[in-house]
Protein backbone atom coordinates (compact mmCIF):
# COMPACT_ATOMS: atom_id res chain seq x y z
CA MET A 1 104.19 130.31 105.72
CA THR A 2 102.43 127.38 107.23
CA GLN A 3 104.54 124.23 107.32
CA LYS A 4 102.82 121.24 105.65
CA THR A 5 103.07 117.84 107.28
CA ASP A 6 103.42 114.80 104.95
CA PHE A 7 102.56 111.70 106.95
CA LYS A 8 104.07 109.40 104.27
CA LYS A 9 107.43 110.91 105.41
CA THR A 10 106.77 111.11 109.11
CA LEU A 11 104.95 107.86 110.01
CA ASP A 12 106.81 104.48 109.71
CA GLY A 13 103.52 102.78 108.78
CA TYR A 14 103.64 104.44 105.33
CA ARG A 15 107.14 103.04 104.62
CA ALA A 16 107.88 99.58 103.19
CA ARG A 17 110.26 97.88 100.76
CA ALA A 18 109.46 95.62 97.93
CA GLY A 19 110.62 92.04 98.37
CA ARG A 20 110.97 92.40 102.17
CA PHE A 21 108.65 91.66 104.99
CA SER A 22 109.18 94.01 107.98
CA LEU A 23 107.82 93.86 111.51
CA LEU A 24 106.67 97.19 113.06
CA ASP A 25 104.47 98.40 115.84
CA VAL A 26 101.72 100.60 114.52
CA PRO A 27 100.24 103.15 116.91
CA ASP A 28 96.47 103.70 117.36
CA LEU A 29 95.35 105.94 114.53
CA ARG A 30 91.97 107.57 113.73
CA TYR A 31 90.35 107.30 110.33
CA LEU A 32 87.36 108.41 108.36
CA MET A 33 85.83 105.09 107.49
CA ILE A 34 83.05 103.70 105.28
CA ASP A 35 82.17 100.03 104.90
CA GLY A 36 81.07 97.91 101.87
CA HIS A 37 80.96 94.61 100.19
CA GLY A 38 81.88 93.23 96.69
CA ASP A 39 84.31 93.59 93.81
CA PRO A 40 85.87 97.10 93.99
CA ASN A 41 86.35 97.06 90.21
CA THR A 42 82.63 96.76 89.41
CA SER A 43 80.81 97.76 92.58
CA PRO A 44 79.03 101.25 92.38
CA GLU A 45 79.13 101.02 96.28
CA PHE A 46 82.96 101.12 96.16
CA ALA A 47 83.09 104.22 93.98
CA ALA A 48 80.45 105.91 96.09
CA ALA A 49 82.44 105.17 99.21
CA VAL A 50 85.57 106.83 97.94
CA GLU A 51 83.55 109.81 96.68
CA ALA A 52 82.11 110.31 100.19
CA LEU A 53 85.50 110.09 101.98
CA TYR A 54 87.54 112.62 100.03
CA PRO A 55 85.38 115.69 100.34
CA VAL A 56 85.31 115.24 104.12
CA ALA A 57 89.06 114.84 104.20
CA TYR A 58 89.71 117.93 102.25
CA LYS A 59 87.29 120.04 104.34
CA LEU A 60 89.21 118.88 107.38
CA LYS A 61 92.56 119.80 105.77
CA PHE A 62 91.41 123.30 104.83
CA ALA A 63 89.86 123.87 108.30
CA SER A 64 93.15 122.71 110.00
CA LYS A 65 95.14 125.18 107.81
CA LEU A 66 92.78 128.13 108.28
CA ASP A 67 91.62 127.66 111.82
CA LEU A 68 94.65 126.12 113.51
CA GLY A 69 97.57 127.08 111.22
CA ARG A 70 98.44 123.40 110.70
CA ASP A 71 98.52 122.23 107.11
CA TYR A 72 99.05 118.72 105.90
CA VAL A 73 98.89 116.46 102.83
CA VAL A 74 95.76 114.44 102.84
CA PRO A 75 97.05 110.88 103.65
CA PRO A 76 96.70 108.09 101.03
CA LEU A 77 93.58 106.01 100.71
CA GLU A 78 93.69 102.82 102.70
CA GLY A 79 91.48 99.72 102.90
CA LEU A 80 90.69 96.86 105.25
CA TRP A 81 89.72 93.72 103.40
CA TRP A 82 88.36 90.32 104.68
CA ALA A 83 86.12 87.38 103.69
CA ASP A 84 84.73 84.36 105.38
CA ASP A 85 87.34 82.19 103.53
CA LEU A 86 90.91 83.45 103.39
CA ASP A 87 91.39 81.74 100.06
CA ALA A 88 89.23 84.48 98.56
CA PHE A 89 92.31 86.71 98.82
CA THR A 90 95.04 84.35 97.90
CA ALA A 91 94.11 81.31 95.76
CA ALA A 92 90.62 82.16 94.36
CA ARG A 93 90.77 86.00 94.43
CA ASP A 94 87.00 85.95 94.22
CA LYS A 95 86.37 89.62 94.66
CA SER A 96 82.58 89.22 94.84
CA ARG A 97 83.07 87.63 98.31
CA TRP A 98 85.14 90.43 99.71
CA ASP A 99 84.10 92.83 102.47
CA TRP A 100 85.96 96.10 102.92
CA THR A 101 86.35 99.32 104.83
CA MET A 102 87.86 102.24 102.98
CA MET A 103 89.67 104.78 105.11
CA LEU A 104 91.55 108.14 105.19
CA MET A 105 93.64 108.91 108.31
CA VAL A 106 92.75 111.93 110.37
CA PRO A 107 95.61 113.82 112.19
CA ASP A 108 95.56 113.52 115.91
CA TRP A 109 95.20 117.23 116.45
CA LEU A 110 91.73 117.23 114.85
CA ASP A 111 88.86 116.29 117.22
CA ASP A 112 85.39 114.86 116.74
CA ASP A 113 83.88 118.34 116.50
CA ALA A 114 86.21 119.25 113.63
CA VAL A 115 85.15 116.13 111.80
CA ALA A 116 81.47 116.78 112.40
CA ALA A 117 81.90 120.31 111.10
CA ALA A 118 83.63 119.03 107.97
CA VAL A 119 80.80 116.61 107.28
CA GLU A 120 78.29 119.46 107.69
CA ARG A 121 80.21 121.65 105.22
CA VAL A 122 80.23 118.82 102.68
CA ALA A 123 76.47 118.23 103.19
CA ALA A 124 75.76 121.89 102.56
CA THR A 125 77.57 122.02 99.18
CA ASN A 126 77.58 118.93 96.95
CA ARG A 127 76.31 116.10 99.21
CA PRO A 128 77.65 112.64 98.28
CA PRO A 129 74.98 109.89 98.43
CA LYS A 130 76.88 107.88 101.08
CA LEU A 131 77.99 110.77 103.27
CA ASP A 132 75.90 109.60 106.17
CA ASP A 133 77.81 106.39 106.14
CA VAL A 134 81.15 108.03 106.90
CA ARG A 135 82.23 107.62 110.51
CA LEU A 136 85.33 108.46 112.67
CA GLU A 137 86.91 105.44 114.31
CA THR A 138 90.21 104.52 115.95
CA LEU A 139 92.05 101.57 114.43
CA SER A 140 94.25 99.61 116.90
CA GLU A 141 96.57 97.17 114.99
CA GLY A 142 99.70 96.98 117.16
CA ARG A 143 102.38 94.59 115.92
CA CYS A 144 102.18 94.14 112.21
CA VAL A 145 104.09 92.72 109.16
CA GLN A 146 104.15 94.75 105.95
CA THR A 147 105.77 94.92 102.63
CA LEU A 148 105.55 96.99 99.40
CA HIS A 149 103.93 95.54 96.39
CA ILE A 150 104.66 97.18 93.01
CA GLY A 151 102.20 96.16 90.24
CA SER A 152 98.64 95.25 89.74
CA PHE A 153 96.32 94.42 92.63
CA ASP A 154 95.60 91.12 90.89
CA ASP A 155 99.38 90.26 91.21
CA GLU A 156 99.20 90.39 95.04
CA ALA A 157 98.27 86.76 95.54
CA ASP A 158 101.76 85.32 95.45
CA VAL A 159 103.06 87.92 97.92
CA LEU A 160 100.12 87.33 100.25
CA ALA A 161 100.62 83.62 100.15
CA ARG A 162 104.28 83.97 101.12
CA LEU A 163 103.32 86.35 103.90
CA HIS A 164 100.48 84.22 105.27
CA ASP A 165 101.94 80.76 104.70
CA GLU A 166 105.67 81.21 105.13
CA PHE A 167 106.90 84.43 106.85
CA ILE A 168 104.27 84.83 109.61
CA PRO A 169 104.34 81.15 110.83
CA GLY A 170 108.10 81.11 110.31
CA GLN A 171 108.43 83.96 112.84
CA GLY A 172 106.23 82.15 115.34
CA LEU A 173 103.39 84.45 114.77
CA ARG A 174 99.72 84.25 113.82
CA MET A 175 97.43 86.64 111.99
CA THR A 176 95.04 88.56 114.22
CA GLY A 177 93.43 91.48 112.33
CA LYS A 178 92.17 92.29 108.82
CA HIS A 179 94.32 92.49 105.69
CA HIS A 180 95.27 96.20 105.27
CA GLU A 181 96.35 97.98 102.15
CA ILE A 182 97.70 101.51 101.74
CA TYR A 183 97.54 102.96 98.27
CA LEU A 184 100.64 105.05 97.84
CA SER A 185 99.61 105.48 94.21
CA ASP A 186 96.25 106.84 93.05
CA PHE A 187 94.83 103.73 91.29
CA ARG A 188 92.43 106.04 89.35
CA LYS A 189 95.43 107.64 87.60
CA VAL A 190 98.43 105.30 87.75
CA ALA A 191 98.92 102.32 85.38
CA PRO A 192 98.45 99.00 87.13
CA ASP A 193 102.02 97.87 86.59
CA LYS A 194 103.38 100.98 88.38
CA GLN A 195 100.98 101.02 91.35
CA ARG A 196 102.69 101.02 94.79
CA THR A 197 100.70 99.41 97.55
CA VAL A 198 101.73 98.69 101.16
CA LEU A 199 100.36 95.31 102.24
CA ARG A 200 99.98 94.99 105.98
CA GLN A 201 98.89 92.13 108.34
CA PRO A 202 98.41 92.57 112.13
CA VAL A 203 100.04 89.64 114.00
CA ALA A 204 100.50 88.27 117.49
CA GLY A 205 102.55 85.53 119.11
CA ALA A 206 101.44 82.04 118.13
């Protein structure tokens, strides 16, 4: 029987505790990525992005199992979020001003050719409208701070304010990269008050 790898159990970056900010060094990881802009709750572009990522990810998984004998659990959906004004995330929470990149991690044993083949298989069956926007890219974050948020996305503001304004400067650090979220719960199926989300911020010495 093929052993199935679950990256939520093997990678430290998928582990966090509620109420605690932790420093960790995140290795370079490759992701299927797709970019967009606007409120994820109302933007058709956001739904279309997710609908393009998952078929490619599952074609990769099945090819890995059949061709390489290496099975794995498709990693959780992740997102990079940013805006011209940081208050759009904390104080104002003006989602119409948000830019984002949605992502699914690709195991390091799958190469560019495997990803290209997976995209071709998706295109040959039920082609998502934004399939051509999916790309494979390496994300280099390095030193990061992260915590686990349990609850609605709209309740993240206080946690982010403490992270940005208290913990990070208190450790003599500064923010360097984009706000990163890892959705351990499927927000399409789990009630908002029970959602589990890793909140991550890349940092460097002040």
